[in-house]
Amino acid sequence: MLRKADLHMHTKHSDGAHSTEEVILMAKERGLEIISITDHDNISAIKEAIEIGKFYGIEVIPGLEISSDIRDQEVHILAYFFNPDSKELEEYLKFFRAERVKRASRIIEKLNLLGFSITIEDVLEKAGDSAVGRPHIAQAMVQRQIVSNYYEAFYKFIGNGCPAYEKKIHLSPKSAFKIINDSGGLSFIAHPNNMPDVILKELIEDGVDGIEVIHPSHLPNQVKHFKGIVSEFFLLESGGSDFHGGDRNDYSNFGKYYTNSLKVDAMRNHLLRNTA
């Protein structure tokens, strides 16, 4: 019997609202048997998650989400089955976590120029030990009563193209694929729903291993389209809920969007063939 696998979710270690154990407990309640916690630029939840998962009967696959871009198109890349102790991977992540703080500081400066009273300390307090991101800035803006809710912060001020927006510093997709592969992992294009096929095919030529086919943002015709691309180019297939919790209020997606153990087995077999 196929097992339900959600290979895209976030915890407090990045921009999720829940602890590692809370996410695993929710996964179990929703009938998931395989999960991957894919925090942004942060793998500090992985070893803890694997141990907690064993206790609750949930298989936890090492996961990560990193950002890249190609021709001004932002690309999110999911990594699976890498070695969490890879020194090269950790150096990359350490650099980009520092860049996240610098980006947040630039956004705060723009908000200050717009006349709003908010500090980087407000944002770091929200982030705690996690990788700093725009969701933490949005939370701080709500607390400072600059906006009335989380989403208003994005569509008025810090979303793409808005007055306080700041672009991330990115690694090229090809370099990201190499770092992931060198650490023993597999790379997948995350939620490519708004990505032109010409760019998707360029990423395939650059060496990506698979595509996230199942995602809450994907319409049924898009799922069919991505399955066709996976088949045409002999790629691997992933899927998940991209669950965050908290202000995003995406709890109904958790347990609704998932792939299965057959796709996970295909990933394992691919890795075995490449290391044989």
Protein backbone atom coordinates (compact mmCIF):
# COMPACT_ATOMS: atom_id res chain seq x y z
CA MET A 1 0.00 0.00 0.00
CA LEU A 2 1.28 3.44 -0.94
CA ARG A 3 2.18 5.75 1.93
CA LYS A 4 1.32 9.47 1.92
CA ALA A 5 4.40 11.69 1.65
CA ASP A 6 4.47 15.48 2.13
CA LEU A 7 7.89 16.69 1.02
CA HIS A 8 7.48 20.44 1.50
CA MET A 9 6.86 22.11 4.87
CA HIS A 10 8.42 24.65 7.21
CA THR A 11 9.05 25.03 10.94
CA LYS A 12 10.15 27.80 13.29
CA HIS A 13 13.68 27.17 12.03
CA SER A 14 12.73 29.37 9.06
CA ASP A 15 9.36 31.05 8.41
CA GLY A 16 7.02 28.40 9.79
CA ALA A 17 4.89 29.03 12.88
CA HIS A 18 5.37 25.68 14.64
CA SER A 19 8.12 23.72 16.32
CA THR A 20 9.55 20.59 14.74
CA GLU A 21 7.61 18.31 17.09
CA GLU A 22 4.33 20.20 16.53
CA VAL A 23 4.69 19.80 12.76
CA ILE A 24 5.42 16.07 13.07
CA LEU A 25 2.43 15.58 15.38
CA MET A 26 0.16 17.38 12.89
CA ALA A 27 1.58 15.24 10.10
CA LYS A 28 0.72 12.07 12.01
CA GLU A 29 -2.81 13.34 12.75
CA ARG A 30 -3.31 13.94 9.02
CA GLY A 31 -2.24 10.44 8.03
CA LEU A 32 1.17 11.31 6.60
CA GLU A 33 3.83 8.63 6.93
CA ILE A 34 6.77 10.28 5.14
CA ILE A 35 7.69 13.96 5.43
CA SER A 36 10.53 16.31 4.59
CA ILE A 37 10.99 19.53 6.54
CA THR A 38 12.30 22.01 3.97
CA ASP A 39 13.19 25.14 5.92
CA HIS A 40 14.70 28.08 4.04
CA ASP A 41 18.52 28.11 4.15
CA ASN A 42 18.43 26.15 7.40
CA ILE A 43 18.87 22.45 8.16
CA SER A 44 19.02 22.70 11.96
CA ALA A 45 15.65 20.92 12.35
CA ILE A 46 16.69 17.78 10.49
CA LYS A 47 18.45 15.62 13.10
CA GLU A 48 15.88 16.52 15.75
CA ALA A 49 13.06 15.75 13.28
CA ILE A 50 14.48 12.34 12.38
CA GLU A 51 14.57 11.31 16.06
CA ILE A 52 11.10 12.68 16.82
CA GLY A 53 9.81 11.04 13.66
CA LYS A 54 11.07 7.63 14.79
CA PHE A 55 9.14 8.02 18.06
CA TYR A 56 5.88 8.83 16.23
CA GLY A 57 6.34 6.40 13.35
CA ILE A 58 6.99 9.10 10.73
CA GLU A 59 9.86 8.75 8.27
CA VAL A 60 11.74 12.06 7.94
CA ILE A 61 13.81 12.74 4.83
CA PRO A 62 16.52 15.44 5.03
CA GLY A 63 15.16 18.50 3.21
CA LEU A 64 15.92 22.13 2.44
CA GLU A 65 14.57 25.02 0.36
CA ILE A 66 16.95 27.55 -1.17
CA SER A 67 16.42 30.51 -3.48
CA SER A 68 18.04 31.19 -6.82
CA ASP A 69 17.19 33.07 -10.00
CA ILE A 70 17.62 32.83 -13.73
CA ARG A 71 17.09 35.81 -16.04
CA ASP A 72 15.28 37.76 -13.29
CA GLN A 73 12.94 34.81 -12.63
CA GLU A 74 13.15 33.74 -8.96
CA VAL A 75 13.59 30.00 -8.64
CA HIS A 76 13.03 28.06 -5.42
CA ILE A 77 14.94 24.81 -5.21
CA LEU A 78 14.08 21.89 -2.93
CA ALA A 79 16.85 19.53 -1.85
CA TYR A 80 16.34 16.00 -0.52
CA PHE A 81 18.46 13.13 0.84
CA PHE A 82 21.63 15.22 1.23
CA ASN A 83 24.14 14.67 4.01
CA PRO A 84 23.24 17.13 6.82
CA ASP A 85 26.91 17.10 7.90
CA SER A 86 28.20 18.34 4.53
CA LYS A 87 30.73 21.14 5.24
CA GLU A 88 30.29 22.77 1.82
CA LEU A 89 26.52 22.87 2.22
CA GLU A 90 26.75 24.34 5.72
CA GLU A 91 29.18 27.05 4.52
CA TYR A 92 26.74 27.99 1.77
CA LEU A 93 23.82 28.12 4.22
CA LYS A 94 25.79 30.15 6.76
CA PHE A 95 26.61 32.76 4.08
CA PHE A 96 23.03 33.07 2.89
CA ARG A 97 21.59 33.24 6.42
CA ALA A 98 23.88 36.24 6.97
CA GLU A 99 22.70 37.72 3.67
CA ARG A 100 19.11 37.34 4.86
CA VAL A 101 19.85 39.62 7.84
CA LYS A 102 21.50 42.18 5.55
CA ARG A 103 18.49 42.10 3.22
CA ALA A 104 16.12 42.55 6.16
CA SER A 105 18.17 45.56 7.29
CA ARG A 106 17.85 47.14 3.83
CA ILE A 107 14.08 46.61 3.91
CA ILE A 108 13.88 48.20 7.36
CA GLU A 109 15.85 51.21 6.07
CA LYS A 110 13.32 51.64 3.26
CA LEU A 111 10.42 51.38 5.71
CA ASN A 112 12.09 54.02 7.90
CA LEU A 113 12.43 56.32 4.86
CA LEU A 114 8.70 55.82 4.28
CA GLY A 115 8.16 57.21 7.78
CA PHE A 116 7.57 54.01 9.74
CA SER A 117 9.09 53.33 13.15
CA ILE A 118 10.51 49.81 13.06
CA THR A 119 13.98 48.38 13.79
CA ILE A 120 15.97 45.34 12.77
CA GLU A 121 15.82 44.30 16.44
CA ASP A 122 12.02 44.05 16.11
CA VAL A 123 12.50 41.63 13.21
CA LEU A 124 15.24 39.58 14.87
CA GLU A 125 13.01 39.18 17.93
CA LYS A 126 10.33 37.65 15.72
CA ALA A 127 12.83 35.42 13.94
CA GLY A 128 14.50 34.06 17.07
CA ASP A 129 17.03 31.41 16.02
CA SER A 130 15.47 30.87 12.60
CA ALA A 131 16.59 32.11 9.18
CA VAL A 132 15.33 35.71 8.87
CA GLY A 133 12.77 36.36 6.16
CA ARG A 134 10.10 38.78 5.03
CA PRO A 135 7.43 36.95 7.07
CA HIS A 136 9.27 38.06 10.23
CA ILE A 137 9.29 41.65 8.95
CA ALA A 138 5.54 41.39 8.29
CA GLN A 139 4.96 40.11 11.83
CA ALA A 140 7.00 42.98 13.26
CA MET A 141 5.01 45.46 11.14
CA VAL A 142 1.76 44.09 12.57
CA GLN A 143 3.14 44.37 16.10
CA ARG A 144 4.19 47.97 15.43
CA GLN A 145 0.69 48.65 14.03
CA ILE A 146 2.13 49.74 10.69
CA VAL A 147 -0.29 47.33 9.01
CA SER A 148 -3.41 45.61 10.24
CA ASN A 149 -2.42 42.11 9.12
CA TYR A 150 0.37 39.96 7.72
CA TYR A 151 -0.83 40.05 4.10
CA GLU A 152 -1.19 43.84 4.05
CA ALA A 153 2.54 44.12 4.79
CA PHE A 154 3.31 42.17 1.62
CA TYR A 155 0.86 43.69 -0.83
CA LYS A 156 1.48 47.29 0.29
CA PHE A 157 5.14 47.42 1.29
CA ILE A 158 7.48 44.41 1.18
CA GLY A 159 6.12 42.22 -1.61
CA ASN A 160 7.84 42.01 -5.01
CA GLY A 161 7.84 45.43 -6.68
CA CYS A 162 6.52 47.25 -3.59
CA PRO A 163 8.15 50.40 -2.08
CA ALA A 164 10.25 48.57 0.55
CA TYR A 165 11.08 45.48 -1.50
CA GLU A 166 14.69 44.33 -1.67
CA LYS A 167 15.94 41.58 -3.94
CA LYS A 168 17.80 38.61 -2.48
CA ILE A 169 21.37 37.77 -3.37
CA HIS A 170 21.20 34.43 -5.14
CA LEU A 171 23.40 31.57 -6.21
CA SER A 172 22.88 30.44 -9.80
CA PRO A 173 20.63 27.37 -10.18
CA LYS A 174 23.48 25.39 -11.76
CA SER A 175 25.73 26.13 -8.77
CA ALA A 176 22.92 25.23 -6.34
CA PHE A 177 22.34 21.90 -8.12
CA LYS A 178 26.07 21.12 -7.83
CA ILE A 179 26.23 21.93 -4.10
CA ILE A 180 23.18 19.73 -3.47
CA ASN A 181 24.48 16.87 -5.61
CA ASP A 182 27.99 17.10 -4.07
CA SER A 183 26.40 16.71 -0.62
CA GLY A 184 24.73 13.49 -1.78
CA GLY A 185 21.29 15.01 -2.44
CA LEU A 186 18.73 15.55 -5.17
CA SER A 187 17.50 18.92 -6.47
CA PHE A 188 13.91 19.77 -7.42
CA ILE A 189 12.26 22.89 -8.85
CA ALA A 190 9.69 24.05 -6.28
CA HIS A 191 6.16 25.20 -7.26
CA PRO A 192 6.92 26.12 -10.91
CA ASN A 193 3.33 27.26 -11.56
CA ASN A 194 4.34 30.71 -12.85
CA MET A 195 7.52 29.61 -14.58
CA PRO A 196 7.69 29.76 -18.40
CA ASP A 197 8.47 26.40 -19.98
CA VAL A 198 11.55 27.84 -21.67
CA ILE A 199 13.09 28.58 -18.25
CA LEU A 200 11.97 25.25 -16.82
CA LYS A 201 13.65 23.44 -19.70
CA GLU A 202 16.80 25.51 -19.21
CA LEU A 203 16.89 24.35 -15.57
CA ILE A 204 16.47 20.76 -16.76
CA GLU A 205 19.46 21.24 -19.07
CA ASP A 206 21.42 22.65 -16.11
CA GLY A 207 20.98 19.35 -14.28
CA VAL A 208 17.97 19.51 -11.95
CA ASP A 209 16.84 16.06 -10.79
CA GLY A 210 13.10 16.64 -10.55
CA ILE A 211 10.04 18.88 -10.32
CA GLU A 212 7.58 19.52 -7.50
CA VAL A 213 4.43 18.43 -9.32
CA ILE A 214 1.96 18.56 -6.43
CA HIS A 215 1.58 21.95 -4.70
CA PRO A 216 -1.41 24.01 -3.44
CA SER A 217 -0.76 26.65 -6.12
CA HIS A 218 -0.94 24.15 -8.99
CA LEU A 219 -4.21 23.83 -10.90
CA PRO A 220 -5.21 20.34 -12.16
CA ASN A 221 -4.13 21.16 -15.73
CA GLN A 222 -0.73 22.33 -14.42
CA VAL A 223 -0.25 19.10 -12.46
CA LYS A 224 -0.96 17.18 -15.68
CA HIS A 225 1.47 19.41 -17.59
CA PHE A 226 4.29 18.96 -15.07
CA LYS A 227 3.73 15.20 -14.97
CA GLY A 228 4.17 15.26 -18.76
CA ILE A 229 7.47 17.13 -18.46
CA VAL A 230 8.69 14.71 -15.79
CA SER A 231 7.89 11.81 -18.09
CA GLU A 232 9.36 13.43 -21.21
CA PHE A 233 12.71 14.28 -19.61
CA PHE A 234 12.97 11.23 -17.29
CA LEU A 235 12.87 13.36 -14.14
CA LEU A 236 11.85 12.61 -10.57
CA GLU A 237 8.58 13.84 -9.07
CA SER A 238 7.95 15.50 -5.71
CA GLY A 239 4.97 17.08 -4.00
CA GLY A 240 3.78 18.63 -0.79
CA SER A 241 1.68 21.21 1.03
CA ASP A 242 4.31 23.96 1.55
CA PHE A 243 2.80 24.20 5.03
CA HIS A 244 3.79 27.16 7.25
CA GLY A 245 0.92 27.63 9.72
CA GLY A 246 0.33 30.76 11.78
CA ASP A 247 -0.62 33.94 9.91
CA ARG A 248 -0.75 32.13 6.58
CA ASN A 249 -3.67 30.04 7.88
CA ASP A 250 -2.86 27.19 5.51
CA TYR A 251 -3.78 24.38 7.89
CA SER A 252 -6.35 22.94 5.47
CA ASN A 253 -3.57 22.26 2.95
CA PHE A 254 -1.62 20.07 5.37
CA GLY A 255 -2.55 16.49 4.59
CA LYS A 256 -4.43 17.51 1.43
CA TYR A 257 -1.47 18.02 -0.91
CA TYR A 258 1.02 15.17 -0.98
CA THR A 259 2.86 12.66 -3.12
CA ASN A 260 3.46 9.01 -2.22
CA SER A 261 6.07 6.45 -1.22
CA LEU A 262 6.45 5.25 -4.84
CA LYS A 263 7.90 8.66 -5.78
CA VAL A 264 10.17 8.58 -2.71
CA ASP A 265 11.39 5.10 -3.67
CA ALA A 266 12.19 6.41 -7.16
CA MET A 267 14.40 9.08 -5.54
CA ARG A 268 16.23 6.46 -3.48
CA ASN A 269 16.72 4.22 -6.51
CA HIS A 270 18.08 7.15 -8.52
CA LEU A 271 20.65 7.87 -5.80
CA LEU A 272 21.62 4.19 -5.58
CA ARG A 273 22.18 3.99 -9.34
CA ASN A 274 24.36 7.10 -9.25
CA THR A 275 26.53 5.77 -6.41
CA ALA A 276 26.79 2.16 -7.59
